[in-house]
Amino acid sequence: MIAFNILVTETAETHNIPISTAAFRVIKEIEEYRKIIGLKELSRLAVQIYTMNETLGRKNNAVMVLLNLQYRGVTEDQILNVYKFFEEYGRGMPSGFKQVQNAPYIFKQ
């Protein structure tokens, strides 16, 4: 309360206004500050939710593809072999690269 009184007094002196007007002004400024902080927090949370939705959406797609492959008879080991192949040889490959098209060995039994 002491801090509020000091702030009201300083505001009254700075703007050459009555104490009652200064008190009202300080209260309004505090309310505006709270709104701004609230809006910043809402904005931060909205960005966080968007990022999580994007990340989870991609992971959900990946899981669906893996389940679809397994449903079609592709084993976990075969999926891992493809993953390892692209980790080792796939960096910088243009789309439709011949080595990938002619690589049935990545689905070895």
N, C-alpha and C. Protein backbone atom coordinates (compact mmCIF):
# COMPACT_ATOMS: atom_id res chain seq x y z
N MET A 1 0.81 -1.19 0.00
CA MET A 1 0.00 0.00 0.00
C MET A 1 0.86 1.26 0.00
N ILE A 2 2.01 1.17 0.67
CA ILE A 2 2.92 2.32 0.70
C ILE A 2 3.41 2.63 -0.71
N ALA A 3 3.73 1.58 -1.46
CA ALA A 3 4.21 1.77 -2.84
C ALA A 3 3.14 2.45 -3.69
N PHE A 4 1.88 2.05 -3.50
CA PHE A 4 0.78 2.65 -4.24
C PHE A 4 0.67 4.14 -3.90
N ASN A 5 0.75 4.46 -2.61
CA ASN A 5 0.68 5.87 -2.18
C ASN A 5 1.80 6.69 -2.79
N ILE A 6 3.01 6.13 -2.80
CA ILE A 6 4.15 6.84 -3.38
C ILE A 6 3.92 7.06 -4.88
N LEU A 7 3.46 6.02 -5.56
CA LEU A 7 3.21 6.12 -7.00
C LEU A 7 2.13 7.16 -7.31
N VAL A 8 1.06 7.17 -6.51
CA VAL A 8 -0.01 8.15 -6.72
C VAL A 8 0.52 9.56 -6.50
N THR A 9 1.29 9.75 -5.44
CA THR A 9 1.86 11.08 -5.15
C THR A 9 2.77 11.54 -6.28
N GLU A 10 3.65 10.64 -6.74
CA GLU A 10 4.56 10.99 -7.83
C GLU A 10 3.80 11.31 -9.11
N THR A 11 2.75 10.55 -9.39
CA THR A 11 1.94 10.79 -10.59
C THR A 11 1.25 12.15 -10.49
N ALA A 12 0.71 12.46 -9.31
CA ALA A 12 0.04 13.76 -9.11
C ALA A 12 1.02 14.91 -9.32
N GLU A 13 2.22 14.75 -8.77
CA GLU A 13 3.22 15.82 -8.91
C GLU A 13 3.72 15.94 -10.35
N THR A 14 3.97 14.80 -10.98
CA THR A 14 4.50 14.80 -12.34
C THR A 14 3.53 15.44 -13.33
N HIS A 15 2.25 15.10 -13.19
CA HIS A 15 1.25 15.57 -14.15
C HIS A 15 0.47 16.78 -13.63
N ASN A 16 0.83 17.22 -12.43
CA ASN A 16 0.18 18.39 -11.83
C ASN A 16 -1.35 18.22 -11.78
N ILE A 17 -1.76 17.05 -11.20
CA ILE A 17 -3.19 16.72 -11.09
C ILE A 17 -3.51 16.42 -9.64
N PRO A 18 -4.80 16.47 -9.26
CA PRO A 18 -5.17 16.15 -7.88
C PRO A 18 -4.87 14.69 -7.55
N ILE A 19 -4.70 14.41 -6.25
CA ILE A 19 -4.39 13.06 -5.77
C ILE A 19 -5.47 12.06 -6.22
N SER A 20 -6.73 12.43 -6.13
CA SER A 20 -7.82 11.51 -6.52
C SER A 20 -7.73 11.14 -8.00
N THR A 21 -7.43 12.10 -8.84
CA THR A 21 -7.27 11.84 -10.27
C THR A 21 -6.04 10.98 -10.52
N ALA A 22 -4.97 11.26 -9.79
CA ALA A 22 -3.74 10.47 -9.93
C ALA A 22 -3.98 9.02 -9.50
N ALA A 23 -4.74 8.83 -8.42
CA ALA A 23 -5.05 7.47 -7.95
C ALA A 23 -5.83 6.71 -9.02
N PHE A 24 -6.83 7.36 -9.60
CA PHE A 24 -7.62 6.74 -10.66
C PHE A 24 -6.74 6.39 -11.85
N ARG A 25 -5.85 7.30 -12.21
CA ARG A 25 -4.94 7.10 -13.34
C ARG A 25 -4.01 5.91 -13.08
N VAL A 26 -3.45 5.82 -11.88
CA VAL A 26 -2.55 4.72 -11.53
C VAL A 26 -3.30 3.39 -11.60
N ILE A 27 -4.53 3.36 -11.08
CA ILE A 27 -5.33 2.13 -11.12
C ILE A 27 -5.59 1.72 -12.57
N LYS A 28 -5.93 2.67 -13.42
CA LYS A 28 -6.17 2.37 -14.84
C LYS A 28 -4.90 1.84 -15.51
N GLU A 29 -3.76 2.44 -15.19
CA GLU A 29 -2.49 1.98 -15.77
C GLU A 29 -2.17 0.56 -15.33
N ILE A 30 -2.46 0.24 -14.07
CA ILE A 30 -2.24 -1.12 -13.57
C ILE A 30 -3.15 -2.10 -14.31
N GLU A 31 -4.41 -1.72 -14.51
CA GLU A 31 -5.35 -2.58 -15.24
C GLU A 31 -4.88 -2.81 -16.68
N GLU A 32 -4.42 -1.76 -17.33
CA GLU A 32 -3.92 -1.87 -18.71
C GLU A 32 -2.69 -2.77 -18.76
N TYR A 33 -1.81 -2.61 -17.78
CA TYR A 33 -0.60 -3.43 -17.72
C TYR A 33 -0.98 -4.90 -17.58
N ARG A 34 -1.95 -5.19 -16.72
CA ARG A 34 -2.41 -6.58 -16.53
C ARG A 34 -2.98 -7.14 -17.83
N LYS A 35 -3.74 -6.32 -18.56
CA LYS A 35 -4.30 -6.77 -19.84
C LYS A 35 -3.19 -7.10 -20.83
N ILE A 36 -2.19 -6.22 -20.90
CA ILE A 36 -1.08 -6.43 -21.83
C ILE A 36 -0.33 -7.71 -21.48
N ILE A 37 -0.05 -7.90 -20.20
CA ILE A 37 0.64 -9.12 -19.76
C ILE A 37 -0.21 -10.34 -20.09
N GLY A 38 -1.52 -10.24 -19.86
CA GLY A 38 -2.42 -11.35 -20.18
C GLY A 38 -2.43 -11.67 -21.66
N LEU A 39 -2.44 -10.64 -22.50
CA LEU A 39 -2.43 -10.85 -23.94
C LEU A 39 -1.12 -11.47 -24.41
N LYS A 40 -0.02 -11.03 -23.81
CA LYS A 40 1.28 -11.61 -24.16
C LYS A 40 1.32 -13.09 -23.79
N GLU A 41 0.76 -13.42 -22.62
CA GLU A 41 0.73 -14.82 -22.18
C GLU A 41 -0.16 -15.64 -23.11
N LEU A 42 -1.31 -15.09 -23.50
CA LEU A 42 -2.19 -15.79 -24.44
C LEU A 42 -1.49 -16.02 -25.77
N SER A 43 -0.78 -15.03 -26.24
CA SER A 43 -0.05 -15.16 -27.50
C SER A 43 1.03 -16.24 -27.40
N ARG A 44 1.76 -16.23 -26.29
CA ARG A 44 2.81 -17.23 -26.08
C ARG A 44 2.20 -18.63 -26.05
N LEU A 45 1.08 -18.79 -25.35
CA LEU A 45 0.43 -20.09 -25.27
C LEU A 45 -0.13 -20.53 -26.62
N ALA A 46 -0.65 -19.59 -27.40
CA ALA A 46 -1.17 -19.93 -28.73
C ALA A 46 -0.06 -20.46 -29.63
N VAL A 47 1.10 -19.83 -29.58
CA VAL A 47 2.25 -20.29 -30.36
C VAL A 47 2.67 -21.68 -29.90
N GLN A 48 2.68 -21.89 -28.59
CA GLN A 48 3.06 -23.19 -28.04
C GLN A 48 2.07 -24.28 -28.48
N ILE A 49 0.78 -23.98 -28.45
CA ILE A 49 -0.23 -24.95 -28.88
C ILE A 49 -0.08 -25.25 -30.37
N TYR A 50 0.13 -24.22 -31.18
CA TYR A 50 0.32 -24.42 -32.62
C TYR A 50 1.52 -25.32 -32.89
N THR A 51 2.62 -25.05 -32.20
CA THR A 51 3.83 -25.85 -32.38
C THR A 51 3.59 -27.30 -31.99
N MET A 52 2.92 -27.51 -30.87
CA MET A 52 2.62 -28.87 -30.43
C MET A 52 1.71 -29.58 -31.43
N ASN A 53 0.70 -28.89 -31.93
CA ASN A 53 -0.20 -29.50 -32.92
C ASN A 53 0.54 -29.89 -34.19
N GLU A 54 1.44 -29.02 -34.65
CA GLU A 54 2.24 -29.33 -35.84
C GLU A 54 3.11 -30.56 -35.60
N THR A 55 3.78 -30.59 -34.47
CA THR A 55 4.67 -31.71 -34.14
C THR A 55 3.88 -33.00 -34.00
N LEU A 56 2.80 -32.96 -33.25
CA LEU A 56 1.99 -34.16 -33.05
C LEU A 56 1.34 -34.62 -34.34
N GLY A 57 0.96 -33.68 -35.20
CA GLY A 57 0.38 -34.05 -36.48
C GLY A 57 1.35 -34.83 -37.34
N ARG A 58 2.60 -34.37 -37.39
CA ARG A 58 3.62 -35.08 -38.17
C ARG A 58 3.90 -36.46 -37.57
N LYS A 59 3.97 -36.53 -36.25
CA LYS A 59 4.22 -37.83 -35.60
C LYS A 59 3.05 -38.77 -35.82
N ASN A 60 1.84 -38.24 -35.78
CA ASN A 60 0.67 -39.06 -36.02
C ASN A 60 0.70 -39.61 -37.44
N ASN A 61 1.07 -38.79 -38.41
CA ASN A 61 1.19 -39.26 -39.80
C ASN A 61 2.23 -40.36 -39.91
N ALA A 62 3.36 -40.19 -39.24
CA ALA A 62 4.43 -41.20 -39.30
C ALA A 62 3.95 -42.52 -38.70
N VAL A 63 3.25 -42.45 -37.58
CA VAL A 63 2.74 -43.68 -36.95
C VAL A 63 1.73 -44.35 -37.86
N MET A 64 0.87 -43.57 -38.50
CA MET A 64 -0.13 -44.15 -39.40
C MET A 64 0.54 -44.84 -40.59
N VAL A 65 1.60 -44.25 -41.12
CA VAL A 65 2.33 -44.87 -42.23
C VAL A 65 2.97 -46.18 -41.77
N LEU A 66 3.58 -46.17 -40.59
CA LEU A 66 4.19 -47.39 -40.08
C LEU A 66 3.15 -48.49 -39.87
N LEU A 67 2.01 -48.14 -39.30
CA LEU A 67 0.95 -49.13 -39.10
C LEU A 67 0.44 -49.66 -40.44
N ASN A 68 0.32 -48.79 -41.43
CA ASN A 68 -0.12 -49.20 -42.76
C ASN A 68 0.89 -50.16 -43.39
N LEU A 69 2.18 -49.85 -43.25
CA LEU A 69 3.21 -50.75 -43.78
C LEU A 69 3.13 -52.12 -43.10
N GLN A 70 2.99 -52.12 -41.79
CA GLN A 70 2.90 -53.39 -41.07
C GLN A 70 1.63 -54.16 -41.46
N TYR A 71 0.54 -53.45 -41.66
CA TYR A 71 -0.70 -54.08 -42.10
C TYR A 71 -0.52 -54.75 -43.46
N ARG A 72 0.32 -54.15 -44.31
CA ARG A 72 0.57 -54.70 -45.65
C ARG A 72 1.67 -55.76 -45.65
N GLY A 73 2.14 -56.14 -44.47
CA GLY A 73 3.08 -57.25 -44.37
C GLY A 73 4.54 -56.86 -44.25
N VAL A 74 4.85 -55.58 -44.17
CA VAL A 74 6.23 -55.15 -44.02
C VAL A 74 6.59 -55.28 -42.54
N THR A 75 7.69 -55.99 -42.27
CA THR A 75 8.07 -56.22 -40.87
C THR A 75 8.81 -55.01 -40.29
N GLU A 76 8.92 -55.02 -38.96
CA GLU A 76 9.67 -53.95 -38.28
C GLU A 76 11.12 -53.93 -38.75
N ASP A 77 11.72 -55.12 -38.91
CA ASP A 77 13.11 -55.19 -39.36
C ASP A 77 13.27 -54.59 -40.76
N GLN A 78 12.32 -54.85 -41.64
CA GLN A 78 12.38 -54.28 -42.98
C GLN A 78 12.26 -52.75 -42.94
N ILE A 79 11.38 -52.26 -42.10
CA ILE A 79 11.23 -50.80 -41.95
C ILE A 79 12.52 -50.20 -41.43
N LEU A 80 13.14 -50.86 -40.44
CA LEU A 80 14.40 -50.37 -39.89
C LEU A 80 15.52 -50.42 -40.92
N ASN A 81 15.53 -51.46 -41.77
CA ASN A 81 16.54 -51.53 -42.84
C ASN A 81 16.40 -50.36 -43.81
N VAL A 82 15.18 -50.01 -44.16
CA VAL A 82 14.96 -48.86 -45.05
C VAL A 82 15.44 -47.59 -44.38
N TYR A 83 15.10 -47.45 -43.10
CA TYR A 83 15.54 -46.27 -42.34
C TYR A 83 17.07 -46.18 -42.33
N LYS A 84 17.72 -47.31 -42.03
CA LYS A 84 19.19 -47.32 -41.97
C LYS A 84 19.80 -47.02 -43.35
N PHE A 85 19.17 -47.56 -44.40
CA PHE A 85 19.65 -47.30 -45.76
C PHE A 85 19.64 -45.80 -46.05
N PHE A 86 18.52 -45.15 -45.77
CA PHE A 86 18.42 -43.72 -46.06
C PHE A 86 19.30 -42.89 -45.13
N GLU A 87 19.50 -43.35 -43.92
CA GLU A 87 20.42 -42.65 -43.02
C GLU A 87 21.84 -42.69 -43.59
N GLU A 88 22.21 -43.85 -44.15
CA GLU A 88 23.57 -44.02 -44.64
C GLU A 88 23.77 -43.44 -46.04
N TYR A 89 22.83 -43.70 -46.95
CA TYR A 89 23.04 -43.34 -48.35
C TYR A 89 22.11 -42.25 -48.88
N GLY A 90 21.09 -41.92 -48.15
CA GLY A 90 20.04 -41.08 -48.69
C GLY A 90 20.25 -39.58 -48.59
N ARG A 91 21.24 -39.14 -47.87
CA ARG A 91 21.43 -37.70 -47.70
C ARG A 91 21.79 -37.05 -49.04
N GLY A 92 21.03 -36.08 -49.43
CA GLY A 92 21.32 -35.34 -50.65
C GLY A 92 20.89 -36.03 -51.93
N MET A 93 20.18 -37.17 -51.82
CA MET A 93 19.72 -37.86 -53.02
C MET A 93 18.59 -37.08 -53.68
N PRO A 94 18.69 -36.89 -54.99
CA PRO A 94 17.55 -36.27 -55.67
C PRO A 94 16.37 -37.23 -55.70
N SER A 95 15.18 -36.71 -55.82
CA SER A 95 13.98 -37.54 -55.86
C SER A 95 14.03 -38.46 -57.08
N GLY A 96 13.64 -39.74 -56.89
CA GLY A 96 13.64 -40.69 -57.99
C GLY A 96 15.02 -41.24 -58.31
N PHE A 97 15.94 -41.14 -57.41
CA PHE A 97 17.32 -41.58 -57.59
C PHE A 97 17.35 -43.06 -57.98
N LYS A 98 18.13 -43.43 -59.02
CA LYS A 98 18.16 -44.79 -59.56
C LYS A 98 18.58 -45.82 -58.52
N GLN A 99 19.53 -45.48 -57.67
CA GLN A 99 20.01 -46.44 -56.68
C GLN A 99 18.87 -46.87 -55.76
N VAL A 100 17.99 -45.95 -55.42
CA VAL A 100 16.86 -46.29 -54.56
C VAL A 100 15.85 -47.11 -55.33
N GLN A 101 15.60 -46.77 -56.59
CA GLN A 101 14.63 -47.50 -57.39
C GLN A 101 15.08 -48.94 -57.64
N ASN A 102 16.38 -49.16 -57.73
CA ASN A 102 16.91 -50.49 -58.01
C ASN A 102 17.50 -51.12 -56.75
N ALA A 103 16.85 -50.91 -55.61
CA ALA A 103 17.41 -51.41 -54.35
C ALA A 103 16.43 -52.32 -53.62
N PRO A 104 16.08 -53.48 -54.25
CA PRO A 104 15.16 -54.40 -53.56
C PRO A 104 15.81 -55.02 -52.33
N TYR A 105 17.14 -54.97 -52.25
CA TYR A 105 17.86 -55.56 -51.11
C TYR A 105 17.53 -54.88 -49.79
N ILE A 106 16.94 -53.70 -49.84
CA ILE A 106 16.62 -53.05 -48.57
C ILE A 106 15.43 -53.73 -47.89
N PHE A 107 14.72 -54.57 -48.65
CA PHE A 107 13.63 -55.35 -48.07
C PHE A 107 14.05 -56.81 -47.93
N LYS A 108 15.30 -57.03 -47.56
CA LYS A 108 15.78 -58.41 -47.46
C LYS A 108 15.02 -59.16 -46.37
N GLN A 109 14.86 -60.43 -46.59
CA GLN A 109 14.09 -61.28 -45.66
C GLN A 109 14.93 -61.74 -44.50
